[in-house]
Amino acid sequence: MDFQYSDFPNFSTQETGENVDEATQTSTKKPRGPSFNVDEDRLLISAWLNIGLDPIQGNEQKYHTFWERITEYYHKYKVIESDRSQQMLNQRWGKIQKYVNKFSGCFASRTARNESGKTEQDKIADAKRMFEVQEKTRFTLDHAWILLRHQPKWIQIVQELDSKTIASREERERDERKIEIMKEKVEIDKEKLRVRKIEAETKKFETEMRIMSMDTSTMNEEERIYHSKLKMKILQDGT
């Protein structure tokens, strides 16, 4: 199956050819080269879908070869002036994947609410507001999301990323729980030591009180001297 750039319908988006190199309009960084426009993004997505869906190469091709083939496809089918290198295409795809995946999550979240009377356009608008709140920037890759959202290869990638995110979150939660258990154990040990200290101090106090109140009338001289020294020591320790 060959998804060429020209095969995709000319979806109407907020951008028609303007700079869309960033998913934001607030970046203060200077661009390293000419910004990608909508047509370039669409051609890059077409290349990614075609190479990614190749039944022969598919998952077996190495990463570098994969991007070599995407670059070849891109320059073979381009109908616009573009001298994008493999590295530039790779980096651009990384940005598209990152921001479109985040927006997909926002859209899925808004759709899951199943709010009565909300059209798909309403949900898209809500998802854009949600994205802007979360990412502190506007989502401007509508054209990319429209092309990718229903593609099986993209859906698979999103599911894999979600699985990794869930696994990472679960691992983090397990680690946090282990830390909490360790903290609880430390507090329990501290409490045990505190109780033992109180018990020891109580036992010492009771012993001292018994010594202080002992009847010395039946003691011989040596015992009275020893007892007197014990009382003196108790009084000195208490001051």
Protein backbone atom coordinates (compact mmCIF):
# COMPACT_ATOMS: atom_id res chain seq x y z
CA MET A 1 0.00 0.00 0.00
CA ASP A 2 1.51 3.36 -1.04
CA PHE A 3 0.44 6.50 0.80
CA GLN A 4 1.88 9.28 -1.34
CA TYR A 5 1.70 12.90 -0.36
CA SER A 6 -0.73 13.61 -3.17
CA ASP A 7 -3.02 10.84 -1.90
CA PHE A 8 -3.95 12.82 1.21
CA PRO A 9 -6.89 15.22 0.95
CA ASN A 10 -6.12 18.91 1.30
CA PHE A 11 -7.55 19.31 4.78
CA SER A 12 -8.33 22.82 5.89
CA THR A 13 -6.27 23.84 8.90
CA GLN A 14 -5.26 27.03 10.60
CA GLU A 15 -1.98 26.97 8.66
CA THR A 16 -1.85 26.96 4.86
CA GLY A 17 1.86 27.43 4.26
CA GLU A 18 3.10 29.54 7.09
CA ASN A 19 5.90 28.55 9.44
CA VAL A 20 4.90 25.56 11.56
CA ASP A 21 8.36 24.42 12.57
CA GLU A 22 7.37 24.60 16.22
CA ALA A 23 4.18 23.48 17.91
CA THR A 24 4.43 26.78 19.73
CA GLN A 25 4.28 30.42 18.85
CA THR A 26 6.06 31.50 22.01
CA SER A 27 9.56 30.12 21.48
CA THR A 28 12.35 32.68 21.81
CA LYS A 29 14.99 30.39 20.25
CA LYS A 30 16.35 31.38 16.87
CA PRO A 31 15.61 28.78 14.15
CA ARG A 32 18.62 26.88 12.89
CA GLY A 33 17.31 26.90 9.33
CA PRO A 34 14.20 27.51 7.24
CA SER A 35 11.08 26.47 9.10
CA PHE A 36 9.04 23.49 7.95
CA ASN A 37 5.74 24.40 6.36
CA VAL A 38 2.50 22.42 6.12
CA ASP A 39 3.34 20.88 2.73
CA GLU A 40 6.70 19.63 4.03
CA ASP A 41 5.07 18.17 7.12
CA ARG A 42 2.49 16.35 5.01
CA LEU A 43 5.17 14.89 2.76
CA LEU A 44 7.24 13.80 5.76
CA ILE A 45 4.19 12.11 7.31
CA SER A 46 3.47 10.39 4.00
CA ALA A 47 7.07 9.11 3.95
CA TRP A 48 6.85 7.88 7.54
CA LEU A 49 3.58 6.07 6.87
CA ASN A 50 4.86 4.42 3.70
CA ILE A 51 8.16 3.26 5.16
CA GLY A 52 6.57 2.32 8.47
CA LEU A 53 3.92 0.25 6.71
CA ASP A 54 6.36 -1.59 4.42
CA PRO A 55 5.49 -5.30 4.90
CA ILE A 56 8.98 -6.46 3.83
CA GLN A 57 11.22 -4.05 5.71
CA GLY A 58 8.91 -3.03 8.53
CA ASN A 59 10.19 -3.70 12.05
CA GLU A 60 13.32 -5.49 10.84
CA GLN A 61 15.05 -2.52 9.31
CA LYS A 62 17.60 -0.74 11.43
CA TYR A 63 16.96 2.76 12.65
CA HIS A 64 19.51 4.43 10.37
CA THR A 65 18.31 2.54 7.28
CA PHE A 66 14.73 3.42 8.18
CA TRP A 67 15.51 7.14 8.08
CA GLU A 68 17.63 6.79 4.95
CA ARG A 69 14.59 5.34 3.20
CA ILE A 70 12.30 8.06 4.57
CA THR A 71 14.72 10.72 3.26
CA GLU A 72 14.87 9.03 -0.15
CA TYR A 73 11.07 8.88 -0.29
CA TYR A 74 10.77 12.52 0.79
CA HIS A 75 13.04 13.81 -1.98
CA LYS A 76 11.59 11.45 -4.57
CA TYR A 77 8.05 12.71 -4.18
CA LYS A 78 8.61 16.34 -3.21
CA VAL A 79 6.92 18.90 -5.47
CA ILE A 80 8.29 21.82 -3.50
CA GLU A 81 11.72 23.36 -3.08
CA SER A 82 13.29 21.54 -0.14
CA ASP A 83 16.80 20.35 0.62
CA ARG A 84 16.05 18.82 4.02
CA SER A 85 18.75 16.48 5.33
CA GLN A 86 18.07 13.15 7.01
CA GLN A 87 18.88 14.70 10.39
CA MET A 88 16.48 17.61 9.82
CA LEU A 89 13.67 15.24 8.82
CA ASN A 90 14.37 13.01 11.81
CA GLN A 91 14.30 15.96 14.22
CA ARG A 92 11.15 17.36 12.65
CA TRP A 93 9.39 14.01 12.95
CA GLY A 94 10.40 13.86 16.60
CA LYS A 95 8.63 17.19 17.21
CA ILE A 96 5.55 16.12 15.26
CA GLN A 97 5.33 12.82 17.15
CA LYS A 98 5.82 14.49 20.53
CA TYR A 99 3.23 17.24 20.15
CA VAL A 100 0.65 15.27 18.16
CA ASN A 101 0.82 12.47 20.74
CA LYS A 102 0.27 14.96 23.56
CA PHE A 103 -2.64 16.53 21.71
CA SER A 104 -4.09 13.08 20.99
CA GLY A 105 -4.10 12.46 24.73
CA CYS A 106 -5.93 15.74 25.34
CA PHE A 107 -8.50 14.94 22.64
CA ALA A 108 -9.03 11.43 24.01
CA SER A 109 -9.54 12.88 27.48
CA ARG A 110 -12.14 15.38 26.27
CA THR A 111 -13.91 12.75 24.14
CA ALA A 112 -14.10 10.33 27.08
CA ARG A 113 -16.24 12.84 28.97
CA ASN A 114 -19.04 12.21 26.45
CA GLU A 115 -20.53 15.65 27.07
CA SER A 116 -24.01 16.02 25.63
CA GLY A 117 -24.36 18.42 22.70
CA LYS A 118 -20.62 18.67 22.04
CA THR A 119 -19.61 18.32 18.40
CA GLU A 120 -16.22 17.00 17.36
CA GLN A 121 -15.11 20.56 16.61
CA ASP A 122 -16.11 21.54 20.16
CA LYS A 123 -14.04 18.67 21.53
CA ILE A 124 -11.06 19.66 19.36
CA ALA A 125 -11.32 23.23 20.65
CA ASP A 126 -11.52 21.94 24.25
CA ALA A 127 -8.51 19.67 23.62
CA LYS A 128 -6.53 22.64 22.27
CA ARG A 129 -7.28 24.65 25.40
CA MET A 130 -6.29 21.65 27.54
CA PHE A 131 -3.05 21.27 25.55
CA GLU A 132 -2.23 24.96 25.98
CA VAL A 133 -2.76 24.78 29.74
CA GLN A 134 -0.59 21.66 30.07
CA GLU A 135 2.19 22.60 27.65
CA LYS A 136 2.12 26.39 28.08
CA THR A 137 1.93 26.81 24.31
CA ARG A 138 -0.61 26.56 21.48
CA PHE A 139 -1.11 23.43 19.39
CA THR A 140 -0.52 24.29 15.72
CA LEU A 141 -0.08 20.85 14.15
CA ASP A 142 -3.71 20.26 13.19
CA HIS A 143 -2.68 19.13 9.71
CA ALA A 144 -0.38 16.46 11.15
CA TRP A 145 -2.95 15.21 13.65
CA ILE A 146 -5.64 14.98 10.94
CA LEU A 147 -3.36 12.86 8.73
CA LEU A 148 -2.15 10.59 11.52
CA ARG A 149 -5.08 10.12 13.89
CA HIS A 150 -6.76 7.17 12.11
CA GLN A 151 -3.65 5.52 10.66
CA PRO A 152 -3.05 2.03 12.15
CA LYS A 153 0.73 2.60 12.31
CA TRP A 154 0.24 5.81 14.28
CA ILE A 155 -2.34 4.22 16.58
CA GLN A 156 0.15 1.42 17.30
CA ILE A 157 2.90 3.93 18.12
CA VAL A 158 0.59 5.86 20.45
CA GLN A 159 -0.45 2.65 22.21
CA GLU A 160 3.20 1.65 22.66
CA LEU A 161 4.06 5.08 24.06
CA ASP A 162 1.04 4.93 26.38
CA SER A 163 2.08 1.46 27.55
CA LYS A 164 5.59 2.70 28.30
CA THR A 165 4.17 5.71 30.12
CA ILE A 166 1.86 3.50 32.21
CA ALA A 167 4.69 1.07 32.96
CA SER A 168 6.97 3.95 33.93
CA ARG A 169 4.27 5.47 36.14
CA GLU A 170 3.59 2.11 37.81
CA GLU A 171 7.31 1.59 38.42
CA ARG A 172 7.58 5.10 39.86
CA GLU A 173 4.57 4.45 42.09
CA ARG A 174 6.13 1.18 43.29
CA ASP A 175 9.37 2.98 44.08
CA GLU A 176 7.48 5.72 45.91
CA ARG A 177 5.59 3.08 47.90
CA LYS A 178 8.85 1.38 48.83
CA ILE A 179 10.19 4.71 50.06
CA GLU A 180 7.02 5.30 52.06
CA ILE A 181 7.29 1.83 53.61
CA MET A 182 10.91 2.51 54.53
CA LYS A 183 9.93 5.86 56.07
CA GLU A 184 7.14 4.16 58.04
CA LYS A 185 9.61 1.52 59.26
CA VAL A 186 12.04 4.22 60.37
CA GLU A 187 9.25 5.98 62.28
CA ILE A 188 8.17 2.70 63.88
CA ASP A 189 11.77 1.98 64.93
CA LYS A 190 12.04 5.49 66.36
CA GLU A 191 8.86 4.96 68.34
CA LYS A 192 10.14 1.62 69.65
CA LEU A 193 13.37 3.26 70.79
CA ARG A 194 11.40 6.07 72.44
CA VAL A 195 9.22 3.58 74.32
CA ARG A 196 12.25 1.55 75.40
CA LYS A 197 13.95 4.71 76.64
CA ILE A 198 10.88 5.66 78.67
CA GLU A 199 10.67 2.15 80.10
CA ALA A 200 14.37 2.22 81.03
CA GLU A 201 14.04 5.66 82.63
CA THR A 202 10.94 4.52 84.53
CA LYS A 203 12.71 1.41 85.79
CA LYS A 204 15.73 3.49 86.84
CA PHE A 205 13.49 5.97 88.66
CA GLU A 206 11.67 3.20 90.51
CA THR A 207 15.01 1.66 91.53
CA GLU A 208 16.32 4.99 92.78
CA MET A 209 13.14 5.68 94.72
CA ARG A 210 13.40 2.27 96.34
CA ILE A 211 16.99 2.98 97.33
CA MET A 212 16.12 6.43 98.67
CA SER A 213 13.30 5.02 100.84
CA MET A 214 15.11 1.95 102.16
CA ASP A 215 15.09 1.36 105.92
CA THR A 216 18.71 1.43 107.12
CA SER A 217 17.96 0.57 110.74
CA THR A 218 18.69 -3.09 110.23
CA MET A 219 21.86 -2.50 108.18
CA ASN A 220 25.33 -2.93 109.55
CA GLU A 221 27.90 -0.14 109.31
CA GLU A 222 29.33 -1.28 106.00
CA GLU A 223 25.87 -1.56 104.40
CA ARG A 224 24.88 1.90 105.67
CA ILE A 225 28.04 3.43 104.20
CA TYR A 226 27.38 1.76 100.86
CA HIS A 227 23.74 2.86 100.93
CA SER A 228 24.74 6.39 101.78
CA LYS A 229 27.07 6.49 98.76
CA LEU A 230 24.26 5.24 96.50
CA LYS A 231 21.93 7.96 97.74
CA MET A 232 24.62 10.60 97.24
CA LYS A 233 25.20 9.45 93.68
CA ILE A 234 21.45 9.52 92.96
CA LEU A 235 21.21 13.06 94.30
CA GLN A 236 24.24 14.18 92.27
CA ASP A 237 22.91 12.63 89.06
CA GLY A 238 19.60 14.38 89.61
CA THR A 239 21.14 17.86 89.83
